[in-house]
Amino acid sequence: MKVKFHLLMTCLSALFMMSCNSEDKAIRRMCEEIHENYPLATLQDVYKTCYQDFFGAEHLMNDTAAARQYIHYELEQCRDTDLSLMPKREPTGFRHRFVRINFSNIVEGELTEEQLVMMFIGAAGKDNAFSDNWLGEWQKIERIALEVNPYWEEPELQSELMKAAEGKHAVRHSEAFRNNYNPHYRIVRN
């Protein structure tokens, strides 16, 4: 009986270690892709995509009518903007639970504004959180992100992001990201 229990515990430990290792690899791969696709991104942009993946869009959804109006407003504001600096569809975070849908899909007629509104509403307003431990998740992501790109190290920003993670707060894209990549999108379920 003791041998079977020990064998079971060894197998469970091995499975746990393998799952941690694959999660670390997924985080690393995500950070490498961000660094490659958005060389001017900061650690704040890593936080944003991972936050989106962890929580979904419920932090944006208090009022569906207001969400509809804001999407319309933002779409009108970005019609003369180069939306090709970001992909038409891009997964969030490293789990890819949600997808960023670029407004270029509407401008180019691939989606209607109403379709995007409905997909966004369908993905928001629910308890989409992956777990209760966003702070622990962010600490792991930050550690791996700084291994991938040591230039992302900014003690003041890191402190701000840690405080945001403690309070489970969202952040905006960094100013460098906004100025260089024109992010106009909504997240929807993958």
Foldseek 3Di string as FASTA:
>chain_A
DVVVVVVVVVVVVVVVVVVVVVLLVLLLVVLLCCCVLPVLFAVLQLLQLQLCQQFPCQVVDPDLVVVLVVLVVVLVVCLVPPQVSDDQWAAGHRVSQKIWHGSVCCSVPVDPSVRQSVQQVVRYDDRRGPDDQQLVVSVSSVVSSCVNPVVNDDPVVVVVSSVCSVVSHHDDTDPSCCVRNVGDTGMGGD
